[in-house]
Amino acid sequence: MLSVTITHAFPGLSLKAQFDAPNGVTALFGRSGSGKTTLVNAVAGLLRPDHARITLEGDVLVDTAANIFVPPHRRRIGYVFQEARLFPHLTVQQNLRYGRFFAPRGNRADFDQIVDLLGLAPLLARRPIGLSGGEKQRVALGRAILSQPRLLLLDEPLAALDEPRKAEILPYLERLRDDLRLPMLYVSHSAAEVARLATTLVLIDAGRVTAAGPAADLLSDPNIAPEFGVREAGAILTAKVIAHEADGLTRLDCAAGPLWLPRVDLPPGARLRLRILAQDVMLALHRPDAISALNILPATVKDLRLGDGAGAMVQLDAGGDLVLARVTRRSVENLRLAPGVAVHLVLKAVSVAPQSIGGENQP
């Protein structure tokens, strides 16, 4: 458990925040300039805050009231920046072994395991100048992990990458989360990244924590959805791969029933989670017939929020999973939507983008 209480003043920004980060991936989400990087720098020891108390696994890292400030090199915290910051004169293998050099003796991570986990074996003899942006970030991740940190900080590690490189890196981050169970503090302003990776979510705006809690709960909260933007708001469905069918679709089972998506590159039996954008969900009072959309699930309205304009955000309980639907105020009135009303949610198979499909969290 990481616990942070901090007050720090900058020109134009007053940071005053408190949050706890349990095991798993805790995402700090907010607009640029909201104070996210300042928070991770304070945890890393790269910033001396005006007033703070920061503890990790019960150890006090910072307590300004008691004049305690543990220097960065004694905190055993790994840090991955937006840019990989590899040593250009060293090979990939040498960069990785540099990180391993700082691991506690007798407790060093298995080098071959990390190389295999991050797919780095073909790169070991190369130098950073010959690597793509995604490959560099994988090496930076490996170097940080091999230092055997108690906590891994990632400050928008995908921000400098294009979409194909982001898609390349995300599965590796999921492996670190699920296979190594390495606690992470992950800074992002991408709702898609947060939905795939986070187990805990901390929303930050203008230096203040506006909400914190389990990621699935916050992502499905209609009152918080505006902080992600109406086009990015979306919740998570958990599902299991059942079969790959002859027409190119994959059948999944979720708590509310079967789902079909374009082929998912996971074997039958694999568990995953899907980010379902609110704008892609339609609602019907009765199960529609003779419709092109393949995915029709029973659900119950749990909550709703009317927007300032013509829109509304409806929270649905679909077999225990919470889903959001973005509809118009007129639809709310015409369908007489209210908590407890039974509906069917309708989702086109092709509306779930591949980057919205990730491995299931196992905190």
Protein backbone atom coordinates (compact mmCIF):
# COMPACT_ATOMS: atom_id res chain seq x y z
CA MET A 1 0.00 0.00 0.00
CA LEU A 2 1.24 3.44 -1.00
CA SER A 3 -0.27 6.31 0.97
CA VAL A 4 0.21 9.93 -0.15
CA THR A 5 -0.77 13.18 1.53
CA ILE A 6 0.82 16.23 -0.04
CA THR A 7 0.59 20.00 -0.29
CA HIS A 8 2.89 21.85 -2.69
CA ALA A 9 2.69 25.24 -4.36
CA PHE A 10 3.83 26.12 -7.87
CA PRO A 11 3.30 29.33 -9.80
CA GLY A 12 -0.21 28.90 -11.16
CA LEU A 13 -0.92 25.60 -9.37
CA SER A 14 -1.54 24.66 -5.78
CA LEU A 15 -1.34 20.89 -5.29
CA LYS A 16 -3.28 19.51 -2.35
CA ALA A 17 -3.97 15.80 -2.64
CA GLN A 18 -4.48 12.66 -0.60
CA PHE A 19 -4.92 9.10 -1.89
CA ASP A 20 -4.05 5.47 -1.21
CA ALA A 21 -2.76 3.10 -3.88
CA PRO A 22 -3.31 -0.59 -3.04
CA ASN A 23 -1.63 -3.46 -4.89
CA GLY A 24 -2.34 -3.52 -8.61
CA VAL A 25 -2.22 -0.63 -11.07
CA THR A 26 -3.28 2.74 -9.69
CA ALA A 27 -3.86 5.23 -12.50
CA LEU A 28 -3.56 8.97 -11.94
CA PHE A 29 -5.89 10.43 -14.56
CA GLY A 30 -6.37 14.07 -15.45
CA ARG A 31 -5.68 16.82 -17.93
CA SER A 32 -2.15 18.05 -18.64
CA GLY A 33 -1.03 20.40 -15.90
CA SER A 34 -3.31 18.92 -13.24
CA GLY A 35 -0.41 17.81 -11.02
CA LYS A 36 0.00 14.12 -11.93
CA THR A 37 3.73 14.23 -12.69
CA THR A 38 4.36 16.30 -9.56
CA LEU A 39 2.76 13.54 -7.51
CA VAL A 40 4.89 10.75 -8.98
CA ASN A 41 8.04 12.87 -8.67
CA ALA A 42 7.27 13.36 -4.99
CA VAL A 43 6.84 9.59 -4.56
CA ALA A 44 10.12 8.97 -6.42
CA GLY A 45 12.02 11.51 -4.32
CA LEU A 46 12.71 13.83 -7.26
CA LEU A 47 10.74 16.61 -5.57
CA ARG A 48 10.85 17.91 -2.01
CA PRO A 49 7.25 18.90 -1.28
CA ASP A 50 6.32 21.81 0.95
CA HIS A 51 4.27 19.57 3.23
CA ALA A 52 3.80 15.83 2.85
CA ARG A 53 3.65 12.40 4.38
CA ILE A 54 4.31 9.51 2.00
CA THR A 55 4.55 5.89 3.11
CA LEU A 56 5.19 2.68 1.17
CA GLU A 57 4.55 -0.73 2.72
CA GLY A 58 4.54 1.01 6.10
CA ASP A 59 7.95 2.65 5.55
CA VAL A 60 7.98 6.44 5.81
CA LEU A 61 9.53 7.97 2.67
CA VAL A 62 8.62 11.57 3.40
CA ASP A 63 7.34 13.25 6.55
CA THR A 64 8.03 16.96 6.47
CA ALA A 65 6.65 17.39 9.99
CA ALA A 66 9.30 14.97 11.30
CA ASN A 67 12.00 16.19 8.88
CA ILE A 68 12.17 12.77 7.16
CA PHE A 69 13.17 12.57 3.51
CA VAL A 70 14.51 9.27 2.20
CA PRO A 71 16.76 9.93 -0.84
CA PRO A 72 15.64 8.47 -4.18
CA HIS A 73 18.29 5.75 -4.38
CA ARG A 74 17.17 4.27 -1.05
CA ARG A 75 13.45 4.07 -1.89
CA ARG A 76 13.63 1.03 -4.22
CA ILE A 77 11.20 2.59 -6.67
CA GLY A 78 11.47 2.13 -10.43
CA TYR A 79 10.62 4.97 -12.81
CA VAL A 80 9.74 4.81 -16.51
CA PHE A 81 9.43 8.19 -18.24
CA GLN A 82 7.76 9.26 -21.49
CA GLU A 83 11.12 8.89 -23.20
CA ALA A 84 13.00 5.65 -22.62
CA ARG A 85 16.25 7.41 -21.51
CA LEU A 86 18.44 4.43 -22.38
CA PHE A 87 22.23 4.66 -22.37
CA PRO A 88 23.04 5.08 -26.08
CA HIS A 89 26.56 3.61 -25.82
CA LEU A 90 25.33 0.35 -24.24
CA THR A 91 23.58 -2.58 -25.89
CA VAL A 92 20.10 -3.62 -24.80
CA GLN A 93 21.60 -6.39 -22.70
CA GLN A 94 23.98 -3.96 -21.01
CA ASN A 95 21.16 -1.49 -20.34
CA LEU A 96 19.17 -4.27 -18.71
CA ARG A 97 22.05 -5.50 -16.60
CA TYR A 98 22.68 -1.93 -15.44
CA GLY A 99 19.21 -1.99 -13.85
CA ARG A 100 19.87 -5.41 -12.31
CA PHE A 101 23.06 -4.09 -10.73
CA PHE A 102 20.96 -1.97 -8.35
CA ALA A 103 18.73 -4.83 -7.18
CA PRO A 104 19.23 -6.00 -3.60
CA ARG A 105 21.74 -8.82 -3.45
CA GLY A 106 20.19 -12.22 -3.01
CA ASN A 107 16.83 -10.90 -4.25
CA ARG A 108 17.46 -10.19 -7.91
CA ALA A 109 14.79 -10.74 -10.51
CA ASP A 110 15.44 -13.54 -12.97
CA PHE A 111 17.03 -11.92 -16.02
CA ASP A 112 15.80 -14.51 -18.51
CA GLN A 113 12.25 -14.33 -17.12
CA ILE A 114 12.04 -10.56 -17.66
CA VAL A 115 13.61 -10.81 -21.13
CA ASP A 116 11.02 -13.44 -22.07
CA LEU A 117 8.11 -11.56 -20.48
CA LEU A 118 8.91 -8.41 -22.49
CA GLY A 119 9.96 -10.18 -25.70
CA LEU A 120 13.47 -8.69 -25.60
CA ALA A 121 15.59 -11.69 -26.65
CA PRO A 122 15.92 -10.62 -30.33
CA LEU A 123 17.05 -7.14 -29.24
CA LEU A 124 19.79 -7.96 -26.71
CA ALA A 125 22.77 -7.28 -29.03
CA ARG A 126 21.35 -4.06 -30.50
CA ARG A 127 21.91 -0.48 -29.37
CA PRO A 128 19.11 2.02 -28.65
CA ILE A 129 19.67 3.95 -31.88
CA GLY A 130 18.47 0.91 -33.83
CA LEU A 131 15.25 0.41 -31.84
CA SER A 132 11.73 1.61 -32.50
CA GLY A 133 9.94 3.75 -29.91
CA GLY A 134 7.97 0.76 -28.65
CA GLU A 135 11.09 -1.39 -28.38
CA LYS A 136 12.88 1.33 -26.42
CA GLN A 137 10.01 1.53 -23.93
CA ARG A 138 10.06 -2.24 -23.47
CA VAL A 139 13.78 -2.08 -22.67
CA ALA A 140 13.16 0.81 -20.25
CA LEU A 141 10.49 -1.29 -18.54
CA GLY A 142 12.85 -4.24 -18.29
CA ARG A 143 15.67 -2.12 -16.87
CA ALA A 144 13.35 -0.67 -14.22
CA ILE A 145 11.93 -4.07 -13.25
CA LEU A 146 15.37 -5.69 -12.98
CA SER A 147 16.27 -3.20 -10.25
CA GLN A 148 13.70 -5.15 -8.17
CA PRO A 149 11.56 -2.16 -7.19
CA ARG A 150 8.83 -2.28 -4.58
CA LEU A 151 6.80 0.06 -6.77
CA LEU A 152 7.00 1.00 -10.46
CA LEU A 153 6.18 4.57 -11.51
CA LEU A 154 5.16 5.16 -15.12
CA ASP A 155 4.74 8.77 -16.24
CA GLU A 156 2.71 8.60 -19.47
CA PRO A 157 5.01 5.92 -20.93
CA LEU A 158 2.95 5.68 -24.14
CA ALA A 159 2.40 9.38 -24.77
CA ALA A 160 5.26 9.71 -27.26
CA LEU A 161 4.23 6.63 -29.26
CA ASP A 162 1.91 6.33 -32.25
CA GLU A 163 -1.16 4.09 -32.08
CA PRO A 164 0.51 0.92 -33.48
CA ARG A 165 3.35 1.22 -30.94
CA LYS A 166 0.87 1.79 -28.11
CA ALA A 167 -0.99 -1.34 -29.16
CA GLU A 168 2.35 -3.16 -29.07
CA ILE A 169 3.21 -2.06 -25.52
CA LEU A 170 -0.16 -2.45 -23.75
CA PRO A 171 -0.11 -6.28 -23.68
CA TYR A 172 3.33 -6.20 -22.06
CA LEU A 173 2.06 -3.85 -19.35
CA GLU A 174 -0.82 -6.24 -18.76
CA ARG A 175 1.67 -9.10 -18.37
CA LEU A 176 3.61 -7.13 -15.77
CA ARG A 177 0.38 -6.44 -13.89
CA ASP A 178 -0.91 -10.02 -14.00
CA ASP A 179 2.23 -12.20 -14.04
CA LEU A 180 4.63 -10.26 -11.81
CA ARG A 181 1.92 -8.61 -9.67
CA LEU A 182 4.21 -5.57 -9.53
CA PRO A 183 2.44 -2.56 -7.97
CA MET A 184 2.36 0.38 -10.38
CA LEU A 185 1.48 4.06 -10.21
CA TYR A 186 0.51 4.93 -13.77
CA VAL A 187 0.08 8.50 -15.03
CA SER A 188 -2.18 8.97 -18.04
CA HIS A 189 -4.68 11.25 -19.70
CA SER A 190 -5.91 8.41 -21.96
CA ALA A 191 -9.21 6.84 -20.88
CA ALA A 192 -8.48 3.84 -23.11
CA GLU A 193 -5.19 3.06 -21.33
CA VAL A 194 -6.78 3.47 -17.92
CA ALA A 195 -9.67 1.16 -18.82
CA ARG A 196 -7.31 -1.59 -19.95
CA LEU A 197 -4.77 -1.39 -17.16
CA ALA A 198 -6.04 0.19 -13.97
CA THR A 199 -7.36 -1.63 -10.92
CA THR A 200 -7.60 1.62 -8.94
CA LEU A 201 -8.31 5.06 -10.35
CA VAL A 202 -7.47 8.49 -8.92
CA LEU A 203 -8.97 11.45 -10.78
CA ILE A 204 -7.07 14.73 -10.48
CA ASP A 205 -8.16 18.19 -11.55
CA ALA A 206 -6.26 21.43 -10.89
CA GLY A 207 -4.17 19.84 -8.14
CA ARG A 208 -7.10 18.23 -6.29
CA VAL A 209 -8.26 14.61 -6.11
CA THR A 210 -11.87 14.70 -7.31
CA ALA A 211 -12.57 10.96 -6.99
CA ALA A 212 -10.71 7.76 -6.10
CA GLY A 213 -11.65 4.10 -5.93
CA PRO A 214 -11.85 0.84 -7.90
CA ALA A 215 -11.42 1.59 -11.61
CA ALA A 216 -14.48 -0.39 -12.70
CA ASP A 217 -16.69 1.58 -10.32
CA LEU A 218 -15.47 5.01 -11.38
CA LEU A 219 -15.46 4.23 -15.11
CA SER A 220 -19.12 3.21 -14.89
CA ASP A 221 -20.26 6.16 -12.76
CA PRO A 222 -22.51 8.46 -14.85
CA ASN A 223 -21.71 11.41 -12.61
CA ILE A 224 -17.98 11.06 -13.23
CA ALA A 225 -18.25 10.32 -16.97
CA PRO A 226 -17.90 14.02 -17.97
CA GLU A 227 -14.35 14.03 -16.58
CA PHE A 228 -13.37 11.53 -19.29
CA GLY A 229 -15.24 13.44 -22.02
CA VAL A 230 -18.55 12.25 -23.44
CA ARG A 231 -16.87 10.57 -26.43
CA GLU A 232 -14.37 8.71 -24.24
CA ALA A 233 -16.71 7.70 -21.43
CA GLY A 234 -17.11 3.96 -21.23
CA ALA A 235 -17.31 1.10 -18.77
CA ILE A 236 -15.83 -2.39 -18.55
CA LEU A 237 -17.39 -5.78 -19.21
CA THR A 238 -15.52 -8.91 -18.14
CA ALA A 239 -15.88 -11.93 -20.41
CA LYS A 240 -14.51 -15.36 -21.30
CA VAL A 241 -13.54 -16.60 -24.76
CA ILE A 242 -15.79 -19.54 -25.67
CA ALA A 243 -15.06 -20.28 -29.34
CA HIS A 244 -13.73 -18.90 -32.63
CA GLU A 245 -16.44 -19.37 -35.23
CA ALA A 246 -16.12 -20.11 -38.94
CA ASP A 247 -17.37 -16.70 -40.10
CA GLY A 248 -14.51 -14.83 -38.34
CA LEU A 249 -16.34 -13.95 -35.14
CA THR A 250 -15.35 -14.93 -31.61
CA ARG A 251 -18.03 -15.89 -29.12
CA LEU A 252 -17.57 -14.59 -25.59
CA ASP A 253 -19.64 -15.17 -22.49
CA CYS A 254 -20.17 -12.37 -19.99
CA ALA A 255 -22.34 -12.26 -16.89
CA ALA A 256 -25.37 -11.01 -18.84
CA GLY A 257 -25.11 -13.44 -21.75
CA PRO A 258 -23.23 -14.18 -25.00
CA LEU A 259 -21.28 -11.61 -27.01
CA TRP A 260 -19.83 -11.80 -30.51
CA LEU A 261 -16.84 -9.74 -31.66
CA PRO A 262 -14.52 -9.85 -34.66
CA ARG A 263 -11.89 -12.51 -34.01
CA VAL A 264 -10.12 -12.01 -30.68
CA ASP A 265 -6.54 -13.26 -30.63
CA LEU A 266 -6.90 -15.24 -27.40
CA PRO A 267 -7.51 -18.99 -26.92
CA PRO A 268 -10.82 -20.45 -25.69
CA GLY A 269 -10.96 -20.24 -21.93
CA ALA A 270 -9.02 -16.98 -21.74
CA ARG A 271 -10.58 -14.24 -19.66
CA LEU A 272 -10.56 -10.63 -20.78
CA ARG A 273 -12.19 -7.31 -20.24
CA LEU A 274 -13.80 -5.08 -22.82
CA ARG A 275 -14.12 -1.33 -22.79
CA ILE A 276 -17.59 -0.51 -24.05
CA LEU A 277 -17.96 3.14 -25.06
CA ALA A 278 -21.18 4.72 -23.84
CA GLN A 279 -21.82 6.24 -27.26
CA ASP A 280 -21.88 2.76 -28.84
CA VAL A 281 -24.67 1.41 -26.63
CA MET A 282 -28.33 1.60 -27.72
CA LEU A 283 -31.28 0.86 -25.41
CA ALA A 284 -34.61 -0.84 -26.08
CA LEU A 285 -37.50 -1.61 -23.74
CA HIS A 286 -38.20 -4.89 -25.57
CA ARG A 287 -35.75 -7.28 -27.16
CA PRO A 288 -35.43 -6.11 -30.80
CA ASP A 289 -35.98 -8.57 -33.63
CA ALA A 290 -34.62 -8.61 -37.22
CA ILE A 291 -31.75 -6.29 -36.38
CA SER A 292 -28.17 -6.31 -37.69
CA ALA A 293 -26.57 -5.82 -34.27
CA LEU A 294 -25.57 -9.21 -32.85
CA ASN A 295 -25.16 -8.30 -29.21
CA ILE A 296 -28.37 -7.84 -27.23
CA LEU A 297 -28.11 -8.19 -23.45
CA PRO A 298 -30.74 -7.80 -20.74
CA ALA A 299 -29.99 -5.06 -18.22
CA THR A 300 -31.60 -2.88 -15.59
CA VAL A 301 -31.25 0.89 -15.24
CA LYS A 302 -29.33 1.58 -12.06
CA ASP A 303 -28.71 5.33 -12.28
CA LEU A 304 -28.80 8.17 -14.78
CA ARG A 305 -27.47 11.67 -15.16
CA LEU A 306 -29.06 14.33 -17.33
CA GLY A 307 -26.50 16.55 -19.06
CA ASP A 308 -26.63 20.32 -19.44
CA GLY A 309 -27.62 19.96 -23.09
CA ALA A 310 -29.60 17.35 -25.01
CA GLY A 311 -27.69 14.33 -23.70
CA ALA A 312 -27.96 11.92 -20.78
CA MET A 313 -25.75 9.19 -19.33
CA VAL A 314 -27.47 5.99 -18.18
CA GLN A 315 -25.82 3.44 -15.88
CA LEU A 316 -26.95 -0.15 -16.47
CA ASP A 317 -26.55 -3.33 -14.45
CA ALA A 318 -25.87 -6.15 -16.92
CA GLY A 319 -25.60 -9.33 -14.89
CA GLY A 320 -23.54 -7.56 -12.25
CA ASP A 321 -21.31 -5.66 -14.66
CA LEU A 322 -21.96 -1.93 -14.89
CA VAL A 323 -22.26 -0.41 -18.36
CA LEU A 324 -22.86 3.16 -19.52
CA ALA A 325 -25.15 4.26 -22.35
CA ARG A 326 -25.11 7.76 -23.80
CA VAL A 327 -28.58 8.70 -25.03
CA THR A 328 -30.65 11.85 -25.49
CA ARG A 329 -32.87 13.40 -22.86
CA ARG A 330 -35.75 12.80 -25.26
CA SER A 331 -34.98 9.07 -25.24
CA VAL A 332 -34.97 9.09 -21.44
CA GLU A 333 -38.44 10.64 -21.51
CA ASN A 334 -39.83 8.49 -24.34
CA LEU A 335 -38.62 5.24 -22.76
CA ARG A 336 -39.45 6.49 -19.27
CA LEU A 337 -36.02 5.45 -18.07
CA ALA A 338 -35.52 5.44 -14.32
CA PRO A 339 -33.70 3.26 -11.77
CA GLY A 340 -35.22 -0.22 -11.81
CA VAL A 341 -36.51 -0.15 -15.39
CA ALA A 342 -35.69 -3.32 -17.37
CA VAL A 343 -34.15 -2.73 -20.80
CA HIS A 344 -32.01 -4.44 -23.43
CA LEU A 345 -28.67 -2.96 -24.38
CA VAL A 346 -27.72 -3.29 -28.03
CA LEU A 347 -24.09 -3.29 -29.18
CA LYS A 348 -22.75 -3.79 -32.70
CA ALA A 349 -20.04 -6.46 -32.91
CA VAL A 350 -17.72 -4.15 -34.86
CA SER A 351 -18.05 -1.25 -32.41
CA VAL A 352 -15.52 -2.68 -29.93
CA ALA A 353 -12.09 -1.67 -31.23
CA PRO A 354 -9.15 -4.10 -30.80
CA GLN A 355 -7.36 -1.61 -28.52
CA SER A 356 -10.36 -1.79 -26.18
CA ILE A 357 -9.82 -5.51 -25.53
CA GLY A 358 -7.37 -6.41 -22.80
CA GLY A 359 -6.42 -9.21 -20.45
CA GLU A 360 -8.52 -9.47 -17.33
CA ASN A 361 -7.20 -7.80 -14.20
CA GLN A 362 -6.06 -10.17 -11.50
CA PRO A 363 -5.22 -7.90 -8.58
